[in-house]
N, C-alpha and C. Protein backbone atom coordinates (compact mmCIF):
# COMPACT_ATOMS: atom_id res chain seq x y z
N MET A 1 23.25 16.52 -17.69
CA MET A 1 24.31 16.44 -16.71
C MET A 1 24.96 15.06 -16.80
N LYS A 2 26.26 15.03 -16.68
CA LYS A 2 27.01 13.79 -16.79
C LYS A 2 27.33 13.24 -15.41
N TRP A 3 27.02 11.98 -15.20
CA TRP A 3 27.31 11.30 -13.94
C TRP A 3 28.40 10.27 -14.18
N THR A 4 29.15 9.97 -13.14
CA THR A 4 30.16 8.93 -13.18
C THR A 4 29.67 7.76 -12.35
N ILE A 5 29.80 6.56 -12.87
CA ILE A 5 29.42 5.36 -12.13
C ILE A 5 30.69 4.61 -11.76
N ASN A 6 30.89 4.42 -10.47
CA ASN A 6 32.05 3.68 -9.97
C ASN A 6 31.57 2.37 -9.37
N TYR A 7 32.20 1.28 -9.76
CA TYR A 7 31.81 -0.04 -9.29
C TYR A 7 32.89 -0.62 -8.38
N SER A 8 32.45 -1.34 -7.36
CA SER A 8 33.40 -2.02 -6.49
C SER A 8 34.04 -3.18 -7.26
N ARG A 9 35.11 -3.70 -6.73
CA ARG A 9 35.80 -4.81 -7.38
C ARG A 9 34.87 -6.03 -7.47
N ASP A 10 34.11 -6.28 -6.39
CA ASP A 10 33.18 -7.40 -6.40
C ASP A 10 32.11 -7.22 -7.48
N ALA A 11 31.63 -5.99 -7.63
CA ALA A 11 30.62 -5.71 -8.66
C ALA A 11 31.19 -5.95 -10.05
N ARG A 12 32.42 -5.50 -10.30
CA ARG A 12 33.03 -5.71 -11.62
C ARG A 12 33.20 -7.20 -11.92
N ARG A 13 33.61 -7.96 -10.90
CA ARG A 13 33.75 -9.42 -11.09
C ARG A 13 32.41 -10.05 -11.42
N PHE A 14 31.37 -9.60 -10.73
CA PHE A 14 30.04 -10.13 -10.99
C PHE A 14 29.59 -9.80 -12.41
N PHE A 15 29.89 -8.58 -12.88
CA PHE A 15 29.59 -8.19 -14.26
C PHE A 15 30.21 -9.17 -15.24
N GLU A 16 31.49 -9.43 -15.05
CA GLU A 16 32.21 -10.31 -15.96
C GLU A 16 31.62 -11.71 -15.96
N LYS A 17 31.30 -12.18 -14.78
CA LYS A 17 30.76 -13.53 -14.63
C LYS A 17 29.38 -13.65 -15.28
N GLU A 18 28.52 -12.68 -15.05
CA GLU A 18 27.13 -12.75 -15.51
C GLU A 18 26.88 -11.99 -16.82
N ASP A 19 27.85 -11.21 -17.28
CA ASP A 19 27.73 -10.42 -18.52
C ASP A 19 26.48 -9.53 -18.49
N ILE A 20 26.41 -8.65 -17.47
CA ILE A 20 25.23 -7.80 -17.28
C ILE A 20 25.56 -6.32 -17.16
N HIS A 21 26.73 -5.91 -17.56
CA HIS A 21 27.16 -4.52 -17.38
C HIS A 21 26.17 -3.53 -17.99
N VAL A 22 25.73 -3.77 -19.21
CA VAL A 22 24.82 -2.85 -19.90
C VAL A 22 23.48 -2.78 -19.17
N LYS A 23 22.98 -3.91 -18.72
CA LYS A 23 21.70 -3.97 -18.02
C LYS A 23 21.74 -3.14 -16.72
N VAL A 24 22.81 -3.28 -15.96
CA VAL A 24 22.94 -2.55 -14.70
C VAL A 24 23.09 -1.06 -14.95
N THR A 25 23.91 -0.69 -15.91
CA THR A 25 24.11 0.72 -16.22
C THR A 25 22.79 1.37 -16.65
N GLU A 26 22.01 0.67 -17.43
CA GLU A 26 20.71 1.20 -17.87
C GLU A 26 19.76 1.39 -16.68
N GLU A 27 19.75 0.47 -15.74
CA GLU A 27 18.88 0.61 -14.57
C GLU A 27 19.32 1.79 -13.70
N LEU A 28 20.61 2.01 -13.56
CA LEU A 28 21.10 3.16 -12.80
C LEU A 28 20.75 4.46 -13.51
N ARG A 29 20.80 4.47 -14.83
CA ARG A 29 20.38 5.66 -15.59
C ARG A 29 18.90 5.95 -15.37
N LYS A 30 18.09 4.91 -15.35
CA LYS A 30 16.66 5.09 -15.10
C LYS A 30 16.44 5.70 -13.72
N PHE A 31 17.21 5.25 -12.72
CA PHE A 31 17.09 5.81 -11.37
C PHE A 31 17.41 7.31 -11.38
N LEU A 32 18.50 7.68 -12.04
CA LEU A 32 18.88 9.09 -12.09
C LEU A 32 17.83 9.92 -12.82
N THR A 33 17.24 9.37 -13.85
CA THR A 33 16.17 10.06 -14.56
C THR A 33 14.97 10.24 -13.65
N LYS A 34 14.66 9.22 -12.86
CA LYS A 34 13.53 9.31 -11.92
C LYS A 34 13.78 10.39 -10.87
N THR A 35 15.02 10.56 -10.43
CA THR A 35 15.32 11.58 -9.41
C THR A 35 15.12 13.00 -9.96
N ARG A 36 15.13 13.14 -11.27
CA ARG A 36 14.87 14.45 -11.89
C ARG A 36 13.38 14.73 -12.05
N GLY A 37 12.55 13.79 -11.61
CA GLY A 37 11.11 14.02 -11.62
C GLY A 37 10.36 13.36 -12.74
N GLU A 38 11.04 12.64 -13.60
CA GLU A 38 10.34 11.96 -14.69
C GLU A 38 9.65 10.70 -14.16
N ASN A 39 8.55 10.34 -14.78
CA ASN A 39 7.78 9.19 -14.34
C ASN A 39 8.30 7.92 -14.99
N ILE A 40 9.16 7.21 -14.26
CA ILE A 40 9.75 5.96 -14.75
C ILE A 40 9.47 4.89 -13.71
N ASN A 41 9.03 3.74 -14.17
CA ASN A 41 8.67 2.66 -13.27
C ASN A 41 9.88 1.77 -13.00
N ILE A 42 10.50 1.96 -11.83
CA ILE A 42 11.60 1.09 -11.39
C ILE A 42 11.37 0.76 -9.93
N ASP A 43 11.89 -0.37 -9.50
CA ASP A 43 11.74 -0.81 -8.11
C ASP A 43 12.99 -0.39 -7.34
N VAL A 44 12.91 0.75 -6.66
CA VAL A 44 14.04 1.27 -5.91
C VAL A 44 13.57 1.61 -4.50
N LYS A 45 14.45 1.40 -3.52
CA LYS A 45 14.09 1.62 -2.14
C LYS A 45 15.29 2.18 -1.38
N LYS A 46 15.03 3.17 -0.52
CA LYS A 46 16.08 3.66 0.38
C LYS A 46 16.28 2.63 1.47
N LEU A 47 17.53 2.34 1.79
CA LEU A 47 17.81 1.36 2.83
C LEU A 47 17.94 2.04 4.18
N LYS A 48 17.76 1.25 5.24
CA LYS A 48 17.79 1.77 6.61
C LYS A 48 18.85 1.05 7.42
N GLY A 49 19.03 1.51 8.65
CA GLY A 49 19.96 0.85 9.57
C GLY A 49 21.40 1.02 9.16
N ASP A 50 22.14 -0.08 9.16
CA ASP A 50 23.56 -0.05 8.79
C ASP A 50 23.77 0.40 7.34
N TRP A 51 22.75 0.27 6.51
CA TRP A 51 22.84 0.62 5.10
C TRP A 51 22.25 1.99 4.80
N LYS A 52 22.05 2.81 5.83
CA LYS A 52 21.48 4.14 5.64
C LYS A 52 22.34 4.93 4.65
N GLY A 53 21.69 5.62 3.72
CA GLY A 53 22.41 6.38 2.70
C GLY A 53 22.55 5.61 1.39
N TYR A 54 22.22 4.33 1.40
CA TYR A 54 22.29 3.49 0.21
C TYR A 54 20.89 3.24 -0.33
N TYR A 55 20.84 2.81 -1.56
CA TYR A 55 19.59 2.45 -2.22
C TYR A 55 19.70 1.01 -2.70
N ARG A 56 18.54 0.37 -2.82
CA ARG A 56 18.47 -0.97 -3.40
C ARG A 56 17.58 -0.89 -4.62
N LEU A 57 18.12 -1.27 -5.75
CA LEU A 57 17.36 -1.30 -6.99
C LEU A 57 17.18 -2.77 -7.37
N ARG A 58 15.94 -3.15 -7.65
CA ARG A 58 15.66 -4.55 -7.95
C ARG A 58 15.20 -4.68 -9.40
N LYS A 59 15.80 -5.63 -10.10
CA LYS A 59 15.42 -5.93 -11.48
C LYS A 59 15.41 -7.45 -11.61
N GLY A 60 14.22 -8.05 -11.52
CA GLY A 60 14.13 -9.51 -11.52
C GLY A 60 14.80 -10.08 -10.29
N LYS A 61 15.71 -11.02 -10.48
CA LYS A 61 16.45 -11.60 -9.36
C LYS A 61 17.67 -10.76 -8.97
N LEU A 62 18.01 -9.79 -9.77
CA LEU A 62 19.19 -8.97 -9.55
C LEU A 62 18.92 -7.86 -8.55
N ARG A 63 19.83 -7.64 -7.60
CA ARG A 63 19.76 -6.55 -6.65
C ARG A 63 21.01 -5.70 -6.80
N ILE A 64 20.81 -4.40 -6.91
CA ILE A 64 21.93 -3.47 -7.05
C ILE A 64 21.90 -2.56 -5.83
N ILE A 65 22.94 -2.61 -5.02
CA ILE A 65 23.05 -1.75 -3.85
C ILE A 65 24.02 -0.63 -4.21
N PHE A 66 23.57 0.63 -4.03
CA PHE A 66 24.41 1.74 -4.46
C PHE A 66 24.12 2.98 -3.63
N ASP A 67 25.04 3.92 -3.71
CA ASP A 67 24.80 5.24 -3.12
C ASP A 67 25.07 6.29 -4.19
N VAL A 68 24.54 7.49 -3.96
CA VAL A 68 24.63 8.56 -4.95
C VAL A 68 25.15 9.81 -4.25
N ASP A 69 26.08 10.50 -4.90
CA ASP A 69 26.60 11.76 -4.39
C ASP A 69 25.78 12.90 -5.00
N PHE A 70 24.62 13.18 -4.38
CA PHE A 70 23.74 14.23 -4.89
C PHE A 70 24.31 15.62 -4.65
N ASN A 71 25.13 15.79 -3.61
CA ASN A 71 25.69 17.10 -3.30
C ASN A 71 26.55 17.64 -4.43
N ASN A 72 27.43 16.82 -4.95
CA ASN A 72 28.32 17.24 -6.03
C ASN A 72 27.80 16.82 -7.39
N GLN A 73 26.75 16.02 -7.40
CA GLN A 73 26.17 15.47 -8.62
C GLN A 73 27.25 14.89 -9.52
N LYS A 74 28.14 14.15 -8.89
CA LYS A 74 29.26 13.59 -9.65
C LYS A 74 29.15 12.10 -9.86
N GLY A 75 28.71 11.35 -8.87
CA GLY A 75 28.85 9.93 -9.07
C GLY A 75 27.85 9.05 -8.38
N VAL A 76 27.73 7.88 -8.95
CA VAL A 76 26.96 6.79 -8.38
C VAL A 76 27.98 5.70 -8.08
N ARG A 77 27.94 5.19 -6.86
CA ARG A 77 28.89 4.13 -6.50
C ARG A 77 28.09 2.86 -6.22
N SER A 78 28.27 1.88 -7.05
CA SER A 78 27.61 0.59 -6.87
C SER A 78 28.55 -0.27 -6.05
N SER A 79 28.10 -0.63 -4.86
CA SER A 79 28.99 -1.35 -3.98
C SER A 79 28.77 -2.84 -4.00
N PHE A 80 27.61 -3.29 -4.45
CA PHE A 80 27.34 -4.72 -4.40
C PHE A 80 26.28 -5.09 -5.41
N LEU A 81 26.53 -6.11 -6.16
CA LEU A 81 25.56 -6.61 -7.12
C LEU A 81 25.42 -8.10 -6.90
N THR A 82 24.21 -8.57 -6.83
CA THR A 82 24.04 -10.00 -6.64
C THR A 82 22.66 -10.44 -7.03
N ASP A 83 22.53 -11.71 -7.32
CA ASP A 83 21.21 -12.28 -7.50
C ASP A 83 20.90 -13.19 -6.32
N LYS A 84 21.79 -13.19 -5.32
CA LYS A 84 21.63 -14.06 -4.16
C LYS A 84 21.69 -13.29 -2.84
N LEU A 85 21.43 -11.98 -2.89
CA LEU A 85 21.54 -11.16 -1.70
C LEU A 85 20.46 -11.48 -0.68
N PHE A 86 19.23 -11.67 -1.14
CA PHE A 86 18.13 -11.91 -0.21
C PHE A 86 17.58 -13.30 -0.34
């Protein structure tokens, strides 16, 4: 199944600055693979409160905040990428 990844403007700027586009895309692919039931070791957490419906994926100092449209199985929207979020 083919998924579309949409990045916010801030996320795209961060990609350009840090040159990490491939790394982030690979981590999001791993998450989608894990949702299909495969055993992949990634640090992902469902967020609560104001961020309900979003996920946080951690890779080293990098944090990827994103949501997934599981109903239509169309897209992953990465809304924020940072190494200074927490």
